[in-house]
Amino acid sequence: MREPAVYIMASRRNGTLYVGVTSNLSLRAWQHREATLPSFTKQYGCKMLVWYEYHERMDEAIAREKQIKSGSRARKLALIEGMNPNWRDLYEELAL
């Protein structure tokens, strides 16, 4: 099942952040965790899924990704803290 989602991966609490968009969040988060593709997240060790948001349509998700990417680091941290104040790896929730 395809569900457009925007997500944030982190290397650790308050570490390096990566904002992305995908149609299959569990698969994409797994790819980041396992470093299966050469990417920013592999280079900087962003393996923790710390925030995500589903959308009805991919164009909405892409617009939201751009909005988040253009925002400040403080705004990204506020998004994470609002959903996930303990910075748990949310991948486990998706893998159930």
N, C-alpha and C. Protein backbone atom coordinates (compact mmCIF):
# COMPACT_ATOMS: atom_id res chain seq x y z
N MET A 1 0.84 -1.18 0.00
CA MET A 1 0.00 0.00 0.00
C MET A 1 0.88 1.25 0.00
N ARG A 2 0.57 2.17 -0.87
CA ARG A 2 1.34 3.40 -1.00
C ARG A 2 0.68 4.50 -0.20
N GLU A 3 1.45 5.10 0.69
CA GLU A 3 0.98 6.23 1.47
C GLU A 3 2.06 7.30 1.46
N PRO A 4 1.83 8.42 0.78
CA PRO A 4 2.82 9.49 0.77
C PRO A 4 3.12 9.97 2.20
N ALA A 5 4.40 10.12 2.49
CA ALA A 5 4.80 10.55 3.82
C ALA A 5 6.04 11.43 3.74
N VAL A 6 6.12 12.38 4.65
CA VAL A 6 7.31 13.19 4.88
C VAL A 6 7.91 12.66 6.17
N TYR A 7 9.22 12.62 6.26
CA TYR A 7 9.84 12.04 7.45
C TYR A 7 11.16 12.73 7.76
N ILE A 8 11.61 12.56 9.00
CA ILE A 8 12.91 13.06 9.42
C ILE A 8 13.69 11.89 10.03
N MET A 9 14.90 11.70 9.53
CA MET A 9 15.84 10.74 10.09
C MET A 9 16.89 11.53 10.85
N ALA A 10 17.44 10.93 11.92
CA ALA A 10 18.48 11.59 12.71
C ALA A 10 19.60 10.62 13.03
N SER A 11 20.79 11.18 13.24
CA SER A 11 21.93 10.36 13.63
C SER A 11 21.87 10.03 15.12
N ARG A 12 21.30 10.91 15.91
CA ARG A 12 21.14 10.78 17.35
C ARG A 12 20.31 11.97 17.81
N ARG A 13 19.99 12.04 19.07
CA ARG A 13 19.24 13.17 19.62
C ARG A 13 20.03 14.44 19.34
N ASN A 14 19.36 15.42 18.74
CA ASN A 14 19.96 16.70 18.37
C ASN A 14 21.16 16.57 17.44
N GLY A 15 21.25 15.46 16.73
CA GLY A 15 22.35 15.23 15.80
C GLY A 15 22.01 15.72 14.39
N THR A 16 22.63 15.11 13.42
CA THR A 16 22.39 15.44 12.02
C THR A 16 20.98 14.99 11.64
N LEU A 17 20.28 15.86 10.88
CA LEU A 17 18.91 15.58 10.46
C LEU A 17 18.83 15.46 8.95
N TYR A 18 17.93 14.60 8.50
CA TYR A 18 17.63 14.45 7.08
C TYR A 18 16.12 14.47 6.90
N VAL A 19 15.63 15.31 6.01
CA VAL A 19 14.20 15.39 5.70
C VAL A 19 13.97 14.75 4.34
N GLY A 20 13.00 13.85 4.25
CA GLY A 20 12.72 13.18 2.99
C GLY A 20 11.24 12.97 2.77
N VAL A 21 10.92 12.48 1.57
CA VAL A 21 9.54 12.16 1.21
C VAL A 21 9.54 10.80 0.51
N THR A 22 8.50 10.04 0.71
CA THR A 22 8.43 8.70 0.13
C THR A 22 6.98 8.26 0.00
N SER A 23 6.75 7.23 -0.80
CA SER A 23 5.43 6.63 -0.89
C SER A 23 5.34 5.35 -0.06
N ASN A 24 6.47 4.92 0.50
CA ASN A 24 6.51 3.69 1.30
C ASN A 24 7.46 3.92 2.48
N LEU A 25 6.94 4.47 3.57
CA LEU A 25 7.77 4.89 4.69
C LEU A 25 8.51 3.73 5.34
N SER A 26 7.88 2.61 5.55
CA SER A 26 8.58 1.51 6.23
C SER A 26 9.77 1.01 5.40
N LEU A 27 9.60 0.90 4.09
CA LEU A 27 10.70 0.47 3.23
C LEU A 27 11.80 1.51 3.21
N ARG A 28 11.44 2.77 3.07
CA ARG A 28 12.45 3.83 2.97
C ARG A 28 13.21 3.95 4.29
N ALA A 29 12.53 3.89 5.42
CA ALA A 29 13.21 3.96 6.72
C ALA A 29 14.17 2.77 6.87
N TRP A 30 13.75 1.58 6.43
CA TRP A 30 14.62 0.42 6.48
C TRP A 30 15.87 0.64 5.62
N GLN A 31 15.69 1.21 4.43
CA GLN A 31 16.84 1.48 3.55
C GLN A 31 17.84 2.43 4.23
N HIS A 32 17.33 3.45 4.92
CA HIS A 32 18.22 4.36 5.65
C HIS A 32 18.92 3.62 6.78
N ARG A 33 18.18 2.85 7.55
CA ARG A 33 18.74 2.14 8.71
C ARG A 33 19.84 1.17 8.30
N GLU A 34 19.61 0.48 7.20
CA GLU A 34 20.55 -0.54 6.74
C GLU A 34 21.62 0.02 5.80
N ALA A 35 21.51 1.31 5.46
CA ALA A 35 22.47 1.99 4.57
C ALA A 35 22.64 1.22 3.26
N THR A 36 21.53 0.83 2.65
CA THR A 36 21.56 0.04 1.43
C THR A 36 21.88 0.86 0.19
N LEU A 37 21.74 2.17 0.27
CA LEU A 37 21.99 3.05 -0.87
C LEU A 37 23.02 4.10 -0.49
N PRO A 38 23.90 4.47 -1.44
CA PRO A 38 24.82 5.57 -1.13
C PRO A 38 24.00 6.86 -1.00
N SER A 39 24.12 7.51 0.14
CA SER A 39 23.28 8.68 0.37
C SER A 39 23.83 9.53 1.51
N PHE A 40 23.21 10.69 1.69
CA PHE A 40 23.52 11.59 2.80
C PHE A 40 23.36 10.86 4.12
N THR A 41 22.27 10.12 4.26
CA THR A 41 21.99 9.45 5.53
C THR A 41 23.02 8.37 5.83
N LYS A 42 23.54 7.71 4.81
CA LYS A 42 24.61 6.72 5.03
C LYS A 42 25.88 7.42 5.47
N GLN A 43 26.22 8.52 4.79
CA GLN A 43 27.44 9.25 5.10
C GLN A 43 27.44 9.80 6.53
N TYR A 44 26.27 10.29 6.98
CA TYR A 44 26.19 10.95 8.28
C TYR A 44 25.52 10.09 9.36
N GLY A 45 25.22 8.85 9.05
CA GLY A 45 24.69 7.93 10.05
C GLY A 45 23.29 8.25 10.54
N CYS A 46 22.46 8.80 9.68
CA CYS A 46 21.07 9.12 10.05
C CYS A 46 20.23 7.85 9.92
N LYS A 47 20.14 7.10 10.99
CA LYS A 47 19.47 5.80 10.96
C LYS A 47 18.22 5.74 11.81
N MET A 48 17.92 6.81 12.56
CA MET A 48 16.75 6.81 13.43
C MET A 48 15.60 7.59 12.78
N LEU A 49 14.46 6.95 12.63
CA LEU A 49 13.26 7.65 12.18
C LEU A 49 12.67 8.35 13.41
N VAL A 50 12.73 9.68 13.42
CA VAL A 50 12.31 10.41 14.62
C VAL A 50 11.01 11.21 14.43
N TRP A 51 10.56 11.36 13.19
CA TRP A 51 9.32 12.11 12.93
C TRP A 51 8.80 11.70 11.57
N TYR A 52 7.46 11.65 11.44
CA TYR A 52 6.85 11.43 10.13
C TYR A 52 5.43 11.98 10.11
N GLU A 53 4.94 12.17 8.90
CA GLU A 53 3.59 12.73 8.70
C GLU A 53 3.06 12.18 7.38
N TYR A 54 1.92 11.54 7.42
CA TYR A 54 1.30 11.01 6.20
C TYR A 54 0.46 12.07 5.51
N HIS A 55 0.32 11.92 4.18
CA HIS A 55 -0.49 12.84 3.38
C HIS A 55 -1.37 12.06 2.42
N GLU A 56 -2.44 12.70 2.01
CA GLU A 56 -3.37 12.08 1.07
C GLU A 56 -2.75 11.88 -0.31
N ARG A 57 -2.01 12.90 -0.77
CA ARG A 57 -1.45 12.86 -2.13
C ARG A 57 0.04 13.18 -2.10
N MET A 58 0.77 12.65 -3.07
CA MET A 58 2.21 12.85 -3.14
C MET A 58 2.57 14.32 -3.35
N ASP A 59 1.79 15.05 -4.14
CA ASP A 59 2.13 16.45 -4.34
C ASP A 59 2.04 17.25 -3.03
N GLU A 60 1.12 16.88 -2.16
CA GLU A 60 1.02 17.53 -0.85
C GLU A 60 2.23 17.19 0.01
N ALA A 61 2.65 15.93 -0.04
CA ALA A 61 3.81 15.50 0.73
C ALA A 61 5.08 16.21 0.25
N ILE A 62 5.23 16.34 -1.05
CA ILE A 62 6.40 17.03 -1.61
C ILE A 62 6.41 18.49 -1.20
N ALA A 63 5.26 19.14 -1.25
CA ALA A 63 5.18 20.55 -0.83
C ALA A 63 5.55 20.69 0.65
N ARG A 64 5.08 19.77 1.47
CA ARG A 64 5.40 19.82 2.90
C ARG A 64 6.89 19.56 3.14
N GLU A 65 7.47 18.63 2.39
CA GLU A 65 8.91 18.37 2.51
C GLU A 65 9.70 19.64 2.20
N LYS A 66 9.34 20.32 1.13
CA LYS A 66 10.04 21.55 0.77
C LYS A 66 9.89 22.61 1.84
N GLN A 67 8.69 22.70 2.42
CA GLN A 67 8.44 23.67 3.49
C GLN A 67 9.33 23.37 4.70
N ILE A 68 9.42 22.11 5.07
CA ILE A 68 10.23 21.72 6.23
C ILE A 68 11.71 21.94 5.94
N LYS A 69 12.16 21.52 4.76
CA LYS A 69 13.57 21.70 4.40
C LYS A 69 14.00 23.15 4.41
N SER A 70 13.10 24.04 3.99
CA SER A 70 13.45 25.46 3.93
C SER A 70 13.37 26.14 5.29
N GLY A 71 12.79 25.46 6.26
CA GLY A 71 12.67 26.02 7.61
C GLY A 71 13.97 25.89 8.39
N SER A 72 14.01 26.52 9.51
CA SER A 72 15.20 26.50 10.36
C SER A 72 15.35 25.16 11.07
N ARG A 73 16.54 24.94 11.56
CA ARG A 73 16.80 23.74 12.36
C ARG A 73 15.91 23.74 13.60
N ALA A 74 15.72 24.91 14.20
CA ALA A 74 14.87 25.02 15.40
C ALA A 74 13.45 24.54 15.10
N ARG A 75 12.93 24.85 13.94
CA ARG A 75 11.58 24.41 13.57
C ARG A 75 11.53 22.90 13.37
N LYS A 76 12.59 22.33 12.79
CA LYS A 76 12.65 20.88 12.62
C LYS A 76 12.70 20.20 13.99
N LEU A 77 13.52 20.74 14.89
CA LEU A 77 13.61 20.17 16.24
C LEU A 77 12.27 20.27 16.96
N ALA A 78 11.55 21.37 16.74
CA ALA A 78 10.24 21.54 17.37
C ALA A 78 9.25 20.49 16.84
N LEU A 79 9.31 20.19 15.55
CA LEU A 79 8.44 19.14 14.99
C LEU A 79 8.74 17.80 15.67
N ILE A 80 10.02 17.47 15.77
CA ILE A 80 10.40 16.20 16.38
C ILE A 80 9.96 16.16 17.84
N GLU A 81 10.29 17.20 18.58
CA GLU A 81 9.96 17.24 20.01
C GLU A 81 8.44 17.17 20.24
N GLY A 82 7.65 17.75 19.33
CA GLY A 82 6.20 17.72 19.45
C GLY A 82 5.62 16.33 19.31
N MET A 83 6.18 15.53 18.43
CA MET A 83 5.68 14.18 18.18
C MET A 83 6.42 13.14 19.01
N ASN A 84 7.70 13.38 19.24
CA ASN A 84 8.58 12.35 19.78
C ASN A 84 9.58 12.98 20.76
N PRO A 85 9.09 13.45 21.92
CA PRO A 85 9.97 14.18 22.85
C PRO A 85 11.15 13.36 23.38
N ASN A 86 11.05 12.04 23.37
CA ASN A 86 12.15 11.19 23.85
C ASN A 86 13.08 10.73 22.73
N TRP A 87 12.82 11.18 21.52
CA TRP A 87 13.64 10.84 20.36
C TRP A 87 13.77 9.32 20.19
N ARG A 88 12.65 8.60 20.38
CA ARG A 88 12.66 7.16 20.13
C ARG A 88 12.78 6.91 18.63
N ASP A 89 13.30 5.77 18.26
CA ASP A 89 13.33 5.37 16.86
C ASP A 89 11.94 4.85 16.52
N LEU A 90 11.21 5.59 15.73
CA LEU A 90 9.82 5.26 15.41
C LEU A 90 9.70 4.15 14.37
N TYR A 91 10.80 3.70 13.83
CA TYR A 91 10.77 2.60 12.86
C TYR A 91 10.10 1.38 13.45
N GLU A 92 10.34 1.12 14.71
CA GLU A 92 9.76 -0.06 15.35
C GLU A 92 8.23 -0.03 15.27
N GLU A 93 7.63 1.15 15.34
CA GLU A 93 6.17 1.27 15.22
C GLU A 93 5.70 0.87 13.82
N LEU A 94 6.49 1.21 12.82
CA LEU A 94 6.12 0.91 11.44
C LEU A 94 6.29 -0.57 11.13
N ALA A 95 7.27 -1.20 11.76
CA ALA A 95 7.60 -2.58 11.45
C ALA A 95 6.63 -3.58 12.07
N LEU A 96 5.71 -3.12 12.90
CA LEU A 96 4.78 -4.05 13.56
C LEU A 96 3.78 -4.63 12.60
